[in-house]
Amino acid sequence: MLNIHRARLEDASIIHRLAHQIYFPTYKGILTPNQMEFMLEKSYSIEALQQSMQNDQDFYIAYYHHKPIGFIGLKIKDSQILRIEKLYLLPETQGRGVGNGLINFAISQAKEMNRSILELNVNRGNKAYYFYLKMNFKVVQEIDIPYYGYVLDDYVMQLCL
């Protein structure tokens, strides 16, 4: 049974642990090991997560039978758009409908906030791109984002609600 709970500051350690379990299998062959380490430290240290929680992102942890299996980070972009800043699941849980559950959760959050568009970035080499297409997201932009000496080569995808 899937449950989604809003993360509190003290839950940053759970997200930190999940990120370290998920990131390497997700980005192996897409990013260099050095870039993966850098990204984990920059975005998924406990301090960085807590700062994001306090500044502008709401994090939610997905639990399956009381075990944390993934997370989603949401951020209001503007009066129309709610962004999915992060969405990660343990590799062994992928393909079981949990991603659908998190997307549907994000859709309901967007509707509660009177937002008409759900938006996200996905690395152009990430197989999650195909999942988002199945969920009816459309590519609206292909971008290369300079990021501390690295380049994030992403698709910006949107779902109109």
N, C-alpha and C. Protein backbone atom coordinates (compact mmCIF):
# COMPACT_ATOMS: atom_id res chain seq x y z
N MET A 1 0.83 -1.19 0.00
CA MET A 1 0.00 0.00 0.00
C MET A 1 0.87 1.25 0.00
N LEU A 2 0.63 2.14 -0.97
CA LEU A 2 1.41 3.36 -1.11
C LEU A 2 0.82 4.47 -0.27
N ASN A 3 1.69 5.13 0.50
CA ASN A 3 1.32 6.32 1.27
C ASN A 3 2.33 7.40 0.96
N ILE A 4 1.86 8.63 0.86
CA ILE A 4 2.72 9.76 0.57
C ILE A 4 2.56 10.76 1.70
N HIS A 5 3.68 11.09 2.36
CA HIS A 5 3.64 12.00 3.50
C HIS A 5 4.57 13.18 3.27
N ARG A 6 4.12 14.35 3.67
CA ARG A 6 4.97 15.54 3.58
C ARG A 6 6.18 15.36 4.49
N ALA A 7 7.34 15.67 3.95
CA ALA A 7 8.58 15.54 4.72
C ALA A 7 8.76 16.74 5.64
N ARG A 8 9.21 16.47 6.83
CA ARG A 8 9.58 17.52 7.79
C ARG A 8 11.09 17.69 7.72
N LEU A 9 11.60 18.73 8.35
CA LEU A 9 13.05 18.96 8.33
C LEU A 9 13.82 17.74 8.80
N GLU A 10 13.33 17.08 9.82
CA GLU A 10 14.05 15.90 10.34
C GLU A 10 14.00 14.71 9.39
N ASP A 11 13.12 14.77 8.39
CA ASP A 11 13.04 13.68 7.40
C ASP A 11 14.07 13.85 6.28
N ALA A 12 14.83 14.93 6.30
CA ALA A 12 15.85 15.14 5.26
C ALA A 12 16.84 13.98 5.22
N SER A 13 17.09 13.35 6.35
CA SER A 13 18.02 12.21 6.37
C SER A 13 17.46 11.02 5.58
N ILE A 14 16.15 10.86 5.57
CA ILE A 14 15.53 9.78 4.80
C ILE A 14 15.71 10.06 3.31
N ILE A 15 15.46 11.30 2.89
CA ILE A 15 15.62 11.67 1.48
C ILE A 15 17.08 11.55 1.07
N HIS A 16 17.98 11.99 1.95
CA HIS A 16 19.42 11.88 1.71
C HIS A 16 19.81 10.42 1.45
N ARG A 17 19.35 9.53 2.29
CA ARG A 17 19.66 8.10 2.15
C ARG A 17 19.08 7.54 0.85
N LEU A 18 17.82 7.87 0.57
CA LEU A 18 17.19 7.40 -0.67
C LEU A 18 17.95 7.91 -1.90
N ALA A 19 18.31 9.19 -1.89
CA ALA A 19 19.03 9.76 -3.03
C ALA A 19 20.32 9.00 -3.30
N HIS A 20 21.04 8.65 -2.23
CA HIS A 20 22.29 7.91 -2.40
C HIS A 20 22.05 6.49 -2.90
N GLN A 21 20.91 5.91 -2.64
CA GLN A 21 20.58 4.58 -3.14
C GLN A 21 20.09 4.63 -4.59
N ILE A 22 19.52 5.75 -4.99
CA ILE A 22 18.86 5.86 -6.30
C ILE A 22 19.76 6.48 -7.36
N TYR A 23 20.56 7.46 -6.99
CA TYR A 23 21.26 8.29 -7.96
C TYR A 23 22.21 7.50 -8.87
N PHE A 24 23.05 6.65 -8.29
CA PHE A 24 24.04 5.93 -9.11
C PHE A 24 23.39 4.98 -10.11
N PRO A 25 22.41 4.15 -9.71
CA PRO A 25 21.76 3.31 -10.72
C PRO A 25 21.02 4.11 -11.79
N THR A 26 20.48 5.26 -11.41
CA THR A 26 19.72 6.09 -12.35
C THR A 26 20.63 6.73 -13.39
N TYR A 27 21.76 7.23 -12.97
CA TYR A 27 22.60 8.03 -13.86
C TYR A 27 23.87 7.33 -14.35
N LYS A 28 24.05 6.05 -14.03
CA LYS A 28 25.20 5.31 -14.52
C LYS A 28 25.16 5.30 -16.04
N GLY A 29 26.26 5.68 -16.67
CA GLY A 29 26.33 5.74 -18.12
C GLY A 29 25.80 7.05 -18.70
N ILE A 30 25.20 7.89 -17.86
CA ILE A 30 24.69 9.18 -18.31
C ILE A 30 25.59 10.30 -17.79
N LEU A 31 25.89 10.24 -16.50
CA LEU A 31 26.77 11.22 -15.86
C LEU A 31 28.06 10.51 -15.43
N THR A 32 29.13 11.27 -15.28
CA THR A 32 30.37 10.70 -14.77
C THR A 32 30.23 10.45 -13.26
N PRO A 33 31.00 9.52 -12.72
CA PRO A 33 30.95 9.32 -11.26
C PRO A 33 31.23 10.60 -10.48
N ASN A 34 32.17 11.42 -10.98
CA ASN A 34 32.47 12.69 -10.29
C ASN A 34 31.27 13.62 -10.29
N GLN A 35 30.55 13.68 -11.42
CA GLN A 35 29.37 14.55 -11.48
C GLN A 35 28.28 14.03 -10.55
N MET A 36 28.11 12.71 -10.48
CA MET A 36 27.10 12.15 -9.58
C MET A 36 27.42 12.49 -8.13
N GLU A 37 28.68 12.34 -7.75
CA GLU A 37 29.09 12.68 -6.38
C GLU A 37 28.85 14.16 -6.10
N PHE A 38 29.20 15.01 -7.06
CA PHE A 38 29.01 16.45 -6.90
C PHE A 38 27.54 16.78 -6.72
N MET A 39 26.69 16.21 -7.58
CA MET A 39 25.25 16.50 -7.53
C MET A 39 24.65 16.02 -6.21
N LEU A 40 25.07 14.86 -5.76
CA LEU A 40 24.56 14.36 -4.48
C LEU A 40 24.94 15.30 -3.34
N GLU A 41 26.18 15.76 -3.35
CA GLU A 41 26.62 16.66 -2.28
C GLU A 41 25.93 18.01 -2.38
N LYS A 42 25.78 18.52 -3.61
CA LYS A 42 25.21 19.85 -3.82
C LYS A 42 23.71 19.90 -3.50
N SER A 43 22.98 18.86 -3.91
CA SER A 43 21.52 18.91 -3.80
C SER A 43 20.93 17.99 -2.74
N TYR A 44 21.68 16.98 -2.32
CA TYR A 44 21.07 15.96 -1.46
C TYR A 44 21.79 15.75 -0.14
N SER A 45 22.67 16.67 0.23
CA SER A 45 23.18 16.62 1.60
C SER A 45 22.00 16.98 2.52
N ILE A 46 22.07 16.56 3.75
CA ILE A 46 20.98 16.87 4.68
C ILE A 46 20.79 18.38 4.78
N GLU A 47 21.90 19.12 4.83
CA GLU A 47 21.81 20.57 4.94
C GLU A 47 21.15 21.19 3.70
N ALA A 48 21.55 20.74 2.50
CA ALA A 48 20.99 21.28 1.26
C ALA A 48 19.49 20.97 1.17
N LEU A 49 19.11 19.77 1.56
CA LEU A 49 17.69 19.40 1.54
C LEU A 49 16.89 20.26 2.51
N GLN A 50 17.41 20.44 3.72
CA GLN A 50 16.70 21.26 4.71
C GLN A 50 16.59 22.70 4.25
N GLN A 51 17.64 23.20 3.60
CA GLN A 51 17.59 24.57 3.08
C GLN A 51 16.51 24.68 2.00
N SER A 52 16.44 23.70 1.10
CA SER A 52 15.39 23.70 0.07
C SER A 52 14.01 23.67 0.70
N MET A 53 13.85 22.86 1.75
CA MET A 53 12.56 22.76 2.44
C MET A 53 12.17 24.09 3.07
N GLN A 54 13.14 24.79 3.61
CA GLN A 54 12.85 26.06 4.27
C GLN A 54 12.64 27.19 3.27
N ASN A 55 13.25 27.08 2.09
CA ASN A 55 13.18 28.17 1.13
C ASN A 55 11.97 28.08 0.20
N ASP A 56 11.89 26.99 -0.58
CA ASP A 56 10.89 27.04 -1.64
C ASP A 56 10.38 25.69 -2.14
N GLN A 57 10.79 24.59 -1.55
CA GLN A 57 10.32 23.30 -2.03
C GLN A 57 9.59 22.54 -0.94
N ASP A 58 8.55 21.84 -1.36
CA ASP A 58 7.86 20.92 -0.47
C ASP A 58 8.27 19.52 -0.90
N PHE A 59 8.76 18.74 0.04
CA PHE A 59 9.16 17.37 -0.24
C PHE A 59 8.13 16.42 0.35
N TYR A 60 7.91 15.33 -0.37
CA TYR A 60 7.00 14.28 0.07
C TYR A 60 7.72 12.95 -0.11
N ILE A 61 7.57 12.09 0.88
CA ILE A 61 8.20 10.77 0.83
C ILE A 61 7.13 9.73 0.54
N ALA A 62 7.44 8.85 -0.40
CA ALA A 62 6.54 7.74 -0.73
C ALA A 62 6.95 6.54 0.11
N TYR A 63 5.96 5.98 0.80
CA TYR A 63 6.18 4.79 1.62
C TYR A 63 5.35 3.64 1.05
N TYR A 64 5.94 2.48 1.03
CA TYR A 64 5.21 1.28 0.64
C TYR A 64 5.33 0.31 1.80
N HIS A 65 4.21 -0.02 2.41
CA HIS A 65 4.18 -0.85 3.63
C HIS A 65 5.14 -0.28 4.67
N HIS A 66 5.07 1.01 4.89
CA HIS A 66 5.83 1.75 5.92
C HIS A 66 7.32 1.87 5.61
N LYS A 67 7.76 1.45 4.43
CA LYS A 67 9.18 1.56 4.05
C LYS A 67 9.32 2.69 3.04
N PRO A 68 10.24 3.65 3.30
CA PRO A 68 10.43 4.74 2.33
C PRO A 68 11.05 4.19 1.04
N ILE A 69 10.40 4.50 -0.09
CA ILE A 69 10.88 3.97 -1.37
C ILE A 69 11.16 5.05 -2.41
N GLY A 70 10.84 6.30 -2.10
CA GLY A 70 11.09 7.37 -3.05
C GLY A 70 10.62 8.70 -2.53
N PHE A 71 10.79 9.72 -3.34
CA PHE A 71 10.39 11.07 -2.91
C PHE A 71 10.11 11.94 -4.12
N ILE A 72 9.40 13.01 -3.85
CA ILE A 72 9.09 14.02 -4.86
C ILE A 72 9.26 15.39 -4.20
N GLY A 73 9.81 16.32 -4.96
CA GLY A 73 9.94 17.70 -4.51
C GLY A 73 9.13 18.60 -5.42
N LEU A 74 8.29 19.42 -4.85
CA LEU A 74 7.42 20.32 -5.61
C LEU A 74 7.74 21.77 -5.28
N LYS A 75 7.60 22.62 -6.30
CA LYS A 75 7.91 24.05 -6.14
C LYS A 75 6.98 24.86 -7.02
N ILE A 76 6.41 25.90 -6.47
CA ILE A 76 5.59 26.80 -7.27
C ILE A 76 6.52 27.66 -8.13
N LYS A 77 6.28 27.62 -9.44
CA LYS A 77 7.09 28.43 -10.36
C LYS A 77 6.45 29.79 -10.58
N ASP A 78 5.15 29.78 -10.87
CA ASP A 78 4.43 31.04 -11.09
C ASP A 78 2.94 30.78 -10.90
N SER A 79 2.13 31.71 -11.35
CA SER A 79 0.68 31.60 -11.10
C SER A 79 0.03 30.45 -11.85
N GLN A 80 0.71 29.89 -12.84
CA GLN A 80 0.14 28.78 -13.61
C GLN A 80 0.84 27.45 -13.38
N ILE A 81 2.12 27.49 -13.02
CA ILE A 81 2.95 26.28 -13.06
C ILE A 81 3.39 25.81 -11.68
N LEU A 82 3.17 24.52 -11.44
CA LEU A 82 3.78 23.81 -10.31
C LEU A 82 4.85 22.91 -10.90
N ARG A 83 6.07 23.03 -10.38
CA ARG A 83 7.19 22.22 -10.89
C ARG A 83 7.45 21.01 -10.02
N ILE A 84 7.73 19.91 -10.67
CA ILE A 84 8.30 18.74 -10.00
C ILE A 84 9.81 18.94 -10.10
N GLU A 85 10.42 19.30 -9.00
CA GLU A 85 11.86 19.55 -9.00
C GLU A 85 12.65 18.25 -8.88
N LYS A 86 12.07 17.28 -8.18
CA LYS A 86 12.73 16.00 -7.99
C LYS A 86 11.67 14.91 -7.92
N LEU A 87 11.96 13.78 -8.53
CA LEU A 87 11.09 12.61 -8.41
C LEU A 87 11.97 11.38 -8.61
N TYR A 88 12.19 10.66 -7.53
CA TYR A 88 13.07 9.50 -7.57
C TYR A 88 12.46 8.33 -6.80
N LEU A 89 12.66 7.14 -7.36
CA LEU A 89 12.19 5.90 -6.74
C LEU A 89 13.33 4.90 -6.70
N LEU A 90 13.34 4.07 -5.66
CA LEU A 90 14.32 2.99 -5.62
C LEU A 90 14.16 2.14 -6.88
N PRO A 91 15.27 1.74 -7.50
CA PRO A 91 15.19 0.99 -8.76
C PRO A 91 14.29 -0.25 -8.69
N GLU A 92 14.31 -0.95 -7.57
CA GLU A 92 13.52 -2.19 -7.46
C GLU A 92 12.02 -1.93 -7.35
N THR A 93 11.63 -0.68 -7.16
CA THR A 93 10.20 -0.36 -7.07
C THR A 93 9.65 0.24 -8.37
N GLN A 94 10.53 0.51 -9.32
CA GLN A 94 10.10 1.11 -10.57
C GLN A 94 9.30 0.11 -11.40
N GLY A 95 8.32 0.62 -12.13
CA GLY A 95 7.48 -0.24 -12.96
C GLY A 95 6.32 -0.87 -12.22
N ARG A 96 6.05 -0.41 -11.01
CA ARG A 96 4.98 -0.98 -10.18
C ARG A 96 3.86 0.00 -9.89
N GLY A 97 3.83 1.11 -10.61
CA GLY A 97 2.76 2.07 -10.44
C GLY A 97 3.03 3.15 -9.41
N VAL A 98 4.17 3.10 -8.75
CA VAL A 98 4.48 4.11 -7.73
C VAL A 98 4.73 5.47 -8.38
N GLY A 99 5.43 5.48 -9.51
CA GLY A 99 5.65 6.73 -10.23
C GLY A 99 4.33 7.36 -10.65
N ASN A 100 3.41 6.53 -11.13
CA ASN A 100 2.07 7.02 -11.48
C ASN A 100 1.41 7.66 -10.26
N GLY A 101 1.55 6.99 -9.11
CA GLY A 101 0.97 7.51 -7.88
C GLY A 101 1.54 8.87 -7.51
N LEU A 102 2.86 9.02 -7.68
CA LEU A 102 3.49 10.31 -7.36
C LEU A 102 3.08 11.39 -8.35
N ILE A 103 2.98 11.05 -9.62
CA ILE A 103 2.52 12.04 -10.61
C ILE A 103 1.08 12.45 -10.31
N ASN A 104 0.23 11.48 -10.01
CA ASN A 104 -1.16 11.80 -9.68
C ASN A 104 -1.24 12.65 -8.42
N PHE A 105 -0.36 12.39 -7.46
CA PHE A 105 -0.29 13.22 -6.26
C PHE A 105 0.08 14.66 -6.64
N ALA A 106 1.09 14.81 -7.51
CA ALA A 106 1.52 16.14 -7.95
C ALA A 106 0.39 16.85 -8.69
N ILE A 107 -0.35 16.11 -9.51
CA ILE A 107 -1.49 16.69 -10.22
C ILE A 107 -2.52 17.21 -9.22
N SER A 108 -2.81 16.42 -8.19
CA SER A 108 -3.80 16.87 -7.20
C SER A 108 -3.30 18.08 -6.43
N GLN A 109 -2.00 18.12 -6.14
CA GLN A 109 -1.43 19.28 -5.45
C GLN A 109 -1.55 20.52 -6.34
N ALA A 110 -1.25 20.36 -7.63
CA ALA A 110 -1.33 21.49 -8.56
C ALA A 110 -2.76 22.02 -8.63
N LYS A 111 -3.72 21.12 -8.70
CA LYS A 111 -5.12 21.54 -8.78
C LYS A 111 -5.55 22.25 -7.50
N GLU A 112 -5.10 21.75 -6.34
CA GLU A 112 -5.43 22.41 -5.07
C GLU A 112 -4.87 23.83 -5.02
N MET A 113 -3.73 24.03 -5.69
CA MET A 113 -3.08 25.34 -5.72
C MET A 113 -3.54 26.19 -6.90
N ASN A 114 -4.55 25.71 -7.61
CA ASN A 114 -5.07 26.40 -8.80
C ASN A 114 -4.01 26.64 -9.86
N ARG A 115 -3.14 25.64 -10.05
CA ARG A 115 -2.14 25.69 -11.12
C ARG A 115 -2.66 24.83 -12.28
N SER A 116 -2.44 25.29 -13.50
CA SER A 116 -2.97 24.59 -14.67
C SER A 116 -1.91 23.78 -15.42
N ILE A 117 -0.65 23.88 -15.00
CA ILE A 117 0.44 23.17 -15.67
C ILE A 117 1.35 22.54 -14.63
N LEU A 118 1.73 21.30 -14.89
CA LEU A 118 2.74 20.60 -14.11
C LEU A 118 3.98 20.54 -14.99
N GLU A 119 5.13 20.93 -14.46
CA GLU A 119 6.35 21.03 -15.26
C GLU A 119 7.49 20.31 -14.57
N LEU A 120 8.41 19.78 -15.36
CA LEU A 120 9.61 19.14 -14.81
C LEU A 120 10.72 19.19 -15.84
N ASN A 121 11.93 18.98 -15.37
CA ASN A 121 13.08 18.77 -16.25
C ASN A 121 13.49 17.31 -16.09
N VAL A 122 13.92 16.71 -17.20
CA VAL A 122 14.46 15.36 -17.15
C VAL A 122 15.70 15.32 -18.03
N ASN A 123 16.75 14.70 -17.55
CA ASN A 123 17.96 14.55 -18.33
C ASN A 123 17.63 13.81 -19.63
N ARG A 124 18.18 14.28 -20.73
CA ARG A 124 17.84 13.70 -22.03
C ARG A 124 18.26 12.23 -22.14
N GLY A 125 19.15 11.76 -21.30
CA GLY A 125 19.56 10.35 -21.32
C GLY A 125 18.84 9.48 -20.31
N ASN A 126 17.99 10.08 -19.50
CA ASN A 126 17.31 9.35 -18.43
C ASN A 126 16.10 8.60 -18.99
N LYS A 127 16.01 7.31 -18.69
CA LYS A 127 14.89 6.51 -19.20
C LYS A 127 13.54 6.97 -18.63
N ALA A 128 13.57 7.77 -17.57
CA ALA A 128 12.31 8.32 -17.02
C ALA A 128 11.61 9.20 -18.05
N TYR A 129 12.36 9.69 -19.04
CA TYR A 129 11.76 10.49 -20.12
C TYR A 129 10.59 9.74 -20.75
N TYR A 130 10.77 8.46 -20.98
CA TYR A 130 9.71 7.65 -21.62
C TYR A 130 8.51 7.46 -20.68
N PHE A 131 8.78 7.37 -19.40
CA PHE A 131 7.70 7.30 -18.41
C PHE A 131 6.87 8.59 -18.46
N TYR A 132 7.54 9.74 -18.51
CA TYR A 132 6.81 11.00 -18.54
C TYR A 132 5.99 11.14 -19.82
N LEU A 133 6.52 10.66 -20.94
CA LEU A 133 5.74 10.67 -22.17
C LEU A 133 4.46 9.84 -22.00
N LYS A 134 4.58 8.67 -21.37
CA LYS A 134 3.41 7.82 -21.12
C LYS A 134 2.39 8.51 -20.22
N MET A 135 2.89 9.39 -19.36
CA MET A 135 2.01 10.12 -18.44
C MET A 135 1.47 11.40 -19.11
N ASN A 136 1.68 11.52 -20.41
CA ASN A 136 1.15 12.62 -21.24
C ASN A 136 1.88 13.95 -21.10
N PHE A 137 3.09 13.93 -20.54
CA PHE A 137 3.91 15.14 -20.55
C PHE A 137 4.41 15.35 -21.97
N LYS A 138 4.58 16.61 -22.34
CA LYS A 138 5.08 16.99 -23.67
C LYS A 138 6.37 17.79 -23.50
N VAL A 139 7.32 17.56 -24.40
CA VAL A 139 8.55 18.35 -24.40
C VAL A 139 8.23 19.75 -24.91
N VAL A 140 8.56 20.75 -24.11
CA VAL A 140 8.33 22.14 -24.52
C VAL A 140 9.65 22.87 -24.81
N GLN A 141 10.75 22.27 -24.36
CA GLN A 141 12.05 22.91 -24.57
C GLN A 141 13.16 21.89 -24.36
N GLU A 142 14.23 22.03 -25.12
CA GLU A 142 15.44 21.26 -24.93
C GLU A 142 16.50 22.26 -24.49
N ILE A 143 17.07 22.05 -23.30
CA ILE A 143 18.00 23.06 -22.77
C ILE A 143 19.29 22.43 -22.26
N ASP A 144 20.34 23.22 -22.29
CA ASP A 144 21.62 22.88 -21.70
C ASP A 144 21.90 23.92 -20.63
N ILE A 145 21.94 23.47 -19.38
CA ILE A 145 22.08 24.39 -18.26
C ILE A 145 23.49 24.28 -17.68
N PRO A 146 24.31 25.34 -17.79
CA PRO A 146 25.62 25.31 -17.13
C PRO A 146 25.41 25.21 -15.62
N TYR A 147 26.15 24.29 -14.99
CA TYR A 147 25.95 24.05 -13.56
C TYR A 147 27.29 23.69 -12.92
N TYR A 148 27.94 24.70 -12.33
CA TYR A 148 29.19 24.50 -11.59
C TYR A 148 30.21 23.70 -12.40
N GLY A 149 30.41 24.06 -13.65
CA GLY A 149 31.40 23.38 -14.48
C GLY A 149 30.86 22.17 -15.22
N TYR A 150 29.65 21.78 -14.94
CA TYR A 150 28.99 20.69 -15.66
C TYR A 150 27.89 21.29 -16.54
N VAL A 151 27.33 20.47 -17.40
CA VAL A 151 26.20 20.90 -18.21
C VAL A 151 25.06 19.91 -17.98
N LEU A 152 23.92 20.44 -17.58
CA LEU A 152 22.71 19.62 -17.42
C LEU A 152 21.96 19.67 -18.74
N ASP A 153 21.95 18.55 -19.46
CA ASP A 153 21.27 18.51 -20.76
C ASP A 153 19.90 17.89 -20.56
N ASP A 154 18.90 18.76 -20.53
CA ASP A 154 17.56 18.36 -20.12
C ASP A 154 16.51 18.64 -21.19
N TYR A 155 15.41 17.93 -21.02
CA TYR A 155 14.15 18.31 -21.64
C TYR A 155 13.32 19.00 -20.57
N VAL A 156 12.66 20.10 -20.92
CA VAL A 156 11.63 20.67 -20.07
C VAL A 156 10.34 20.08 -20.58
N MET A 157 9.58 19.45 -19.68
CA MET A 157 8.34 18.79 -20.08
C MET A 157 7.19 19.38 -19.28
N GLN A 158 6.04 19.48 -19.90
CA GLN A 158 4.84 20.01 -19.22
C GLN A 158 3.65 19.10 -19.46
N LEU A 159 2.77 19.12 -18.47
CA LEU A 159 1.48 18.44 -18.55
C LEU A 159 0.43 19.50 -18.26
N CYS A 160 -0.47 19.72 -19.24
CA CYS A 160 -1.56 20.67 -19.03
C CYS A 160 -2.69 19.95 -18.30
N LEU A 161 -3.16 20.58 -17.24
CA LEU A 161 -4.19 19.94 -16.40
C LEU A 161 -5.59 20.40 -16.78
